[in-house]
Every structure is written in C-alpha cells, then in structure tokens.
C-alpha atoms as a PDB file:
ATOM      1  CA  MET A   1       0.283  -0.130   0.043  1.00  0.00           C
ATOM      2  CA  SER A   2       1.253   3.221  -0.665  1.00  0.00           C
ATOM      3  CA  LEU A   3       0.100   6.520   0.455  1.00  0.00           C
ATOM      4  CA  ASP A   4       1.636   8.859  -2.285  1.00  0.00           C
ATOM      5  CA  ASN A   5      -1.741   9.151  -4.059  1.00  0.00           C
ATOM      6  CA  LEU A   6      -3.975   8.769  -1.286  1.00  0.00           C
ATOM      7  CA  ALA A   7      -4.888  10.865   1.531  1.00  0.00           C
ATOM      8  CA  ILE A   8      -5.421   9.542   4.874  1.00  0.00           C
ATOM      9  CA  GLU A   9      -9.228  10.289   6.356  1.00  0.00           C
ATOM     10  CA  TYR A  10      -9.721  10.333  10.313  1.00  0.00           C
ATOM     11  CA  ARG A  11     -13.051   9.508  11.365  1.00  0.00           C
ATOM     12  CA  ALA A  12     -14.056   9.079  15.084  1.00  0.00           C
ATOM     13  CA  GLU A  13     -15.854   5.941  14.309  1.00  0.00           C
ATOM     14  CA  LEU A  14     -15.571   2.011  15.909  1.00  0.00           C
ATOM     15  CA  PRO A  15     -14.141   0.011  12.715  1.00  0.00           C
ATOM     16  CA  ALA A  16     -16.043  -2.825  11.747  1.00  0.00           C
ATOM     17  CA  ALA A  17     -15.287  -6.228  13.628  1.00  0.00           C
ATOM     18  CA  GLU A  18     -13.818  -8.001  10.671  1.00  0.00           C
ATOM     19  CA  GLU A  19     -11.612  -5.128   9.914  1.00  0.00           C
ATOM     20  CA  PHE A  20     -10.191  -4.718  13.314  1.00  0.00           C
ATOM     21  CA  VAL A  21      -9.542  -8.559  13.649  1.00  0.00           C
ATOM     22  CA  ARG A  22      -7.329  -8.147  10.215  1.00  0.00           C
ATOM     23  CA  LEU A  23      -5.738  -4.883  11.572  1.00  0.00           C
ATOM     24  CA  PHE A  24      -5.142  -6.144  15.226  1.00  0.00           C
ATOM     25  CA  ARG A  25      -3.402  -9.468  13.552  1.00  0.00           C
ATOM     26  CA  SER A  26      -1.008  -6.996  11.813  1.00  0.00           C
ATOM     27  CA  SER A  27       0.403  -5.994  15.125  1.00  0.00           C
ATOM     28  CA  GLY A  28       1.649  -9.283  15.958  1.00  0.00           C
ATOM     29  CA  TRP A  29      -0.526  -9.227  18.985  1.00  0.00           C
ATOM     30  CA  THR A  30      -2.384 -11.838  18.261  1.00  0.00           C
ATOM     31  CA  GLU A  31      -0.178 -14.519  18.712  1.00  0.00           C
ATOM     32  CA  ALA A  32       1.189 -12.834  22.131  1.00  0.00           C
ATOM     33  CA  PHE A  33      -2.526 -12.734  23.421  1.00  0.00           C
ATOM     34  CA  GLY A  34      -3.990 -15.733  21.789  1.00  0.00           C
ATOM     35  CA  VAL A  35      -7.310 -14.021  21.479  1.00  0.00           C
ATOM     36  CA  ALA A  36      -9.899 -15.787  18.936  1.00  0.00           C
ATOM     37  CA  ALA A  37     -11.438 -13.303  16.229  1.00  0.00           C
ATOM     38  CA  ASP A  38     -14.674 -13.332  17.937  1.00  0.00           C
ATOM     39  CA  ARG A  39     -13.224 -12.340  21.598  1.00  0.00           C
ATOM     40  CA  LEU A  40     -11.554  -9.367  19.528  1.00  0.00           C
ATOM     41  CA  ALA A  41     -14.643  -7.754  18.064  1.00  0.00           C
ATOM     42  CA  ALA A  42     -16.312  -8.321  21.204  1.00  0.00           C
ATOM     43  CA  THR A  43     -14.150  -5.427  22.896  1.00  0.00           C
ATOM     44  CA  LEU A  44     -15.519  -2.952  20.519  1.00  0.00           C
ATOM     45  CA  PRO A  45     -18.385  -2.001  21.890  1.00  0.00           C
ATOM     46  CA  HIS A  46     -16.961  -1.405  25.202  1.00  0.00           C
ATOM     47  CA  ALA A  47     -14.651   1.769  23.505  1.00  0.00           C
ATOM     48  CA  TRP A  48     -15.674   5.072  24.840  1.00  0.00           C
ATOM     49  CA  TYR A  49     -14.130   6.884  22.087  1.00  0.00           C
ATOM     50  CA  ALA A  50     -12.584   5.690  18.726  1.00  0.00           C
ATOM     51  CA  VAL A  51     -10.737   6.608  15.927  1.00  0.00           C
ATOM     52  CA  CYS A  52      -9.965   5.255  12.624  1.00  0.00           C
ATOM     53  CA  ALA A  53      -7.730   6.222   9.724  1.00  0.00           C
ATOM     54  CA  ARG A  54      -8.411   5.120   6.303  1.00  0.00           C
ATOM     55  CA  CYS A  55      -6.936   5.044   3.046  1.00  0.00           C
ATOM     56  CA  GLY A  56      -8.914   4.664  -0.090  1.00  0.00           C
ATOM     57  CA  GLY A  57     -11.828   3.473   2.304  1.00  0.00           C
ATOM     58  CA  GLN A  58      -9.417   0.594   3.848  1.00  0.00           C
ATOM     59  CA  LEU A  59      -8.760   0.646   7.264  1.00  0.00           C
ATOM     60  CA  VAL A  60      -4.997   1.397   8.161  1.00  0.00           C
ATOM     61  CA  GLY A  61      -4.880   2.090  11.786  1.00  0.00           C
ATOM     62  CA  THR A  62      -7.044   2.731  14.716  1.00  0.00           C
ATOM     63  CA  GLY A  63      -7.122   3.424  18.339  1.00  0.00           C
ATOM     64  CA  LEU A  64      -9.606   3.462  21.375  1.00  0.00           C
ATOM     65  CA  VAL A  65     -10.387   4.798  24.667  1.00  0.00           C
ATOM     66  CA  LEU A  66     -11.974   3.126  27.412  1.00  0.00           C
ATOM     67  CA  SER A  67     -13.255   5.626  30.081  1.00  0.00           C
ATOM     68  CA  ASP A  68     -15.651   5.814  32.906  1.00  0.00           C
ATOM     69  CA  GLY A  69     -16.257   9.314  31.289  1.00  0.00           C
ATOM     70  CA  VAL A  70     -15.275  11.521  34.343  1.00  0.00           C
ATOM     71  CA  LEU A  71     -11.801  10.701  35.953  1.00  0.00           C
ATOM     72  CA  HIS A  72      -9.868   8.176  33.986  1.00  0.00           C
ATOM     73  CA  ALA A  73      -9.102   7.166  30.235  1.00  0.00           C
ATOM     74  CA  LEU A  74      -7.348   4.470  29.114  1.00  0.00           C
ATOM     75  CA  ILE A  75      -5.877   4.501  25.180  1.00  0.00           C
ATOM     76  CA  VAL A  76      -5.376   1.048  23.832  1.00  0.00           C
ATOM     77  CA  ASN A  77      -5.204  -0.841  20.744  1.00  0.00           C
ATOM     78  CA  VAL A  78      -3.388   1.973  18.593  1.00  0.00           C
ATOM     79  CA  ILE A  79      -2.180   0.184  15.469  1.00  0.00           C
ATOM     80  CA  VAL A  80      -1.073   1.369  12.094  1.00  0.00           C
ATOM     81  CA  VAL A  81      -0.874  -1.847   9.394  1.00  0.00           C
ATOM     82  CA  PRO A  82       3.149  -2.168   8.979  1.00  0.00           C
ATOM     83  CA  GLU A  83       3.085  -0.902   5.206  1.00  0.00           C
ATOM     84  CA  VAL A  84       2.193   2.584   6.011  1.00  0.00           C
ATOM     85  CA  ARG A  85       3.987   3.067   9.493  1.00  0.00           C
ATOM     86  CA  GLY A  86       6.210   6.067   9.538  1.00  0.00           C
ATOM     87  CA  HIS A  87       3.952   8.332   8.023  1.00  0.00           C
ATOM     88  CA  GLY A  88       2.531  10.022  11.218  1.00  0.00           C
ATOM     89  CA  ILE A  89      -0.838   7.992  11.190  1.00  0.00           C
ATOM     90  CA  GLY A  90      -0.263   6.703  14.750  1.00  0.00           C
ATOM     91  CA  THR A  91       0.729  10.311  15.914  1.00  0.00           C
ATOM     92  CA  GLU A  92      -2.315  11.591  14.482  1.00  0.00           C
ATOM     93  CA  ILE A  93      -4.431   9.191  15.802  1.00  0.00           C
ATOM     94  CA  VAL A  94      -3.143   9.630  19.382  1.00  0.00           C
ATOM     95  CA  LYS A  95      -3.383  13.134  19.270  1.00  0.00           C
ATOM     96  CA  ARG A  96      -7.124  13.065  18.400  1.00  0.00           C
ATOM     97  CA  LEU A  97      -7.627  10.584  21.109  1.00  0.00           C
ATOM     98  CA  VAL A  98      -6.118  12.968  23.642  1.00  0.00           C
ATOM     99  CA  ALA A  99      -7.940  16.055  22.440  1.00  0.00           C
ATOM    100  CA  ARG A 100     -11.318  14.003  23.162  1.00  0.00           C
ATOM    101  CA  CYS A 101     -10.352  13.080  26.398  1.00  0.00           C
ATOM    102  CA  GLN A 102      -9.007  16.732  27.096  1.00  0.00           C
ATOM    103  CA  GLU A 103     -12.308  18.423  25.769  1.00  0.00           C
ATOM    104  CA  GLU A 104     -14.697  15.913  27.864  1.00  0.00           C
ATOM    105  CA  GLY A 105     -12.371  17.372  31.162  1.00  0.00           C
ATOM    106  CA  LEU A 106     -11.129  14.085  31.849  1.00  0.00           C
ATOM    107  CA  LEU A 107      -8.536  14.023  35.013  1.00  0.00           C
ATOM    108  CA  GLN A 108      -6.269  11.391  34.003  1.00  0.00           C
ATOM    109  CA  VAL A 109      -5.123   9.907  30.528  1.00  0.00           C
ATOM    110  CA  GLN A 110      -3.064   6.708  30.515  1.00  0.00           C
ATOM    111  CA  LEU A 111      -2.254   4.318  27.834  1.00  0.00           C
ATOM    112  CA  PHE A 112      -1.287   0.796  27.192  1.00  0.00           C
ATOM    113  CA  SER A 113       1.130   0.184  24.567  1.00  0.00           C
ATOM    114  CA  ALA A 114       3.486  -2.476  23.033  1.00  0.00           C
ATOM    115  CA  ARG A 115       6.779  -2.923  24.173  1.00  0.00           C
ATOM    116  CA  GLY A 116       9.535  -0.673  22.601  1.00  0.00           C
ATOM    117  CA  LYS A 117       7.141   1.893  21.701  1.00  0.00           C
ATOM    118  CA  ARG A 118       8.028   4.226  25.091  1.00  0.00           C
ATOM    119  CA  GLY A 119       9.902   7.053  22.794  1.00  0.00           C
ATOM    120  CA  PHE A 120       6.785   7.140  20.373  1.00  0.00           C
ATOM    121  CA  TYR A 121       4.596   8.026  23.263  1.00  0.00           C
ATOM    122  CA  GLU A 122       7.005  10.531  25.284  1.00  0.00           C
ATOM    123  CA  ARG A 123       7.080  12.422  21.828  1.00  0.00           C
ATOM    124  CA  LEU A 124       3.468  12.920  22.399  1.00  0.00           C
ATOM    125  CA  GLY A 125       4.096  13.991  26.070  1.00  0.00           C
ATOM    126  CA  PHE A 126       3.295  10.877  27.895  1.00  0.00           C
ATOM    127  CA  VAL A 127       5.704   9.716  30.787  1.00  0.00           C
ATOM    128  CA  ALA A 128       6.479   6.606  32.357  1.00  0.00           C
ATOM    129  CA  ARG A 129       5.243   5.871  35.765  1.00  0.00           C
ATOM    130  CA  PRO A 130       7.836   5.898  38.462  1.00  0.00           C
ATOM    131  CA  ASP A 131       8.590   2.951  40.076  1.00  0.00           C
ATOM    132  CA  ASP A 132       6.692   3.950  43.376  1.00  0.00           C
ATOM    133  CA  GLY A 133       4.066   5.871  41.220  1.00  0.00           C
ATOM    134  CA  PRO A 134       0.528   4.752  41.453  1.00  0.00           C
ATOM    135  CA  GLY A 135      -0.602   2.030  39.017  1.00  0.00           C
ATOM    136  CA  MET A 136      -0.184  -1.939  38.661  1.00  0.00           C
ATOM    137  CA  GLU A 137      -1.134  -4.572  36.717  1.00  0.00           C
ATOM    138  CA  LEU A 138      -2.135  -8.390  37.942  1.00  0.00           C
ATOM    139  CA  SER A 139       0.741 -10.641  37.704  1.00  0.00           C
ATOM    140  CA  GLY A 140       0.246 -13.786  35.599  1.00  0.00           C
ATOM    141  CA  LEU A 141      -3.324 -13.012  34.607  1.00  0.00           C
ATOM    142  CA  LEU A 142      -2.555 -13.870  30.869  1.00  0.00           C
ATOM    143  CA  SER A 143      -1.126 -17.203  31.979  1.00  0.00           C
ATOM    144  CA  GLU A 144      -3.516 -18.300  34.173  1.00  0.00           C
ATOM    145  CA  ARG A 145      -6.595 -18.463  31.501  1.00  0.00           C
ATOM    146  CA  PRO A 146      -8.033 -21.790  30.493  1.00  0.00           C
END
C-alpha cells in the first residue's frame, strides 16, 4: 500500500469487527495474547471513543479509549498496518484520542502500549510512571487463563 496518491481520512468511529481483527493481527499481538477473532470483535462495543484512519476507504490504523467518562481514560489498541508506519498516522490517531479526553475534561489519561514504543509516546507528551508511582497490573493473569 502506498500513501503517495491517497490521502488519509480520520474518522471518529469504531472499525467494523472484521477489519479490526485484520488490523489487530497485523500488529503481531494475536500470537502474544492468543485471542480468538470473535473475542477481539467483542471488545469494540466497550470503547468510549475511537478513531479510525482510512486510506482509500481501507482501515490502516485505529486507536480506542476506554473511560468512565469523568476521571480516567485508558488509550488502547493504537495500531497502524506495517506498510504505512512512519508516516504520522499513529501520531495523529493519538493526538485525536487525547484531544477528545481533554475536551471532556477527563482528569487522567493513561495508555497501554506495546513494548519498545516508549519513545513514540514520550514524543507525544506521555511519561513513564516512576517505580513507586500509582498503577499496577495483575501478575500472571494471561498465563492463568484456561
């Protein structure tokens, strides 16, 4: 896929289930998480806000926000297909997600990201939590699933 002749269109919308599954699989996370397509699709209705990036109508990137609508927001599933990474699509998606959180006056915006992406998110204003900072994750949750 080439971006040379096609403009990227950003829409505040949820992706269709099949295109989200296809995009998710392009990230390599499917193998890491071992989640079936129907379960991936079942995550979509829980998004508080979503942005899709399209090139010629085809989904090339997305990002979702999970939120209580008042205090907390969590940015998840920021994914851009490998063929068009490095063209600012992920940056624009994150900026739009953050802007929506700010417009709604949410007090805290956090994110879940893939390993090795710290620098990308730091350039967008995110900071890593200090070792003694708030927030934790449940140890072994994925490995304990049947």
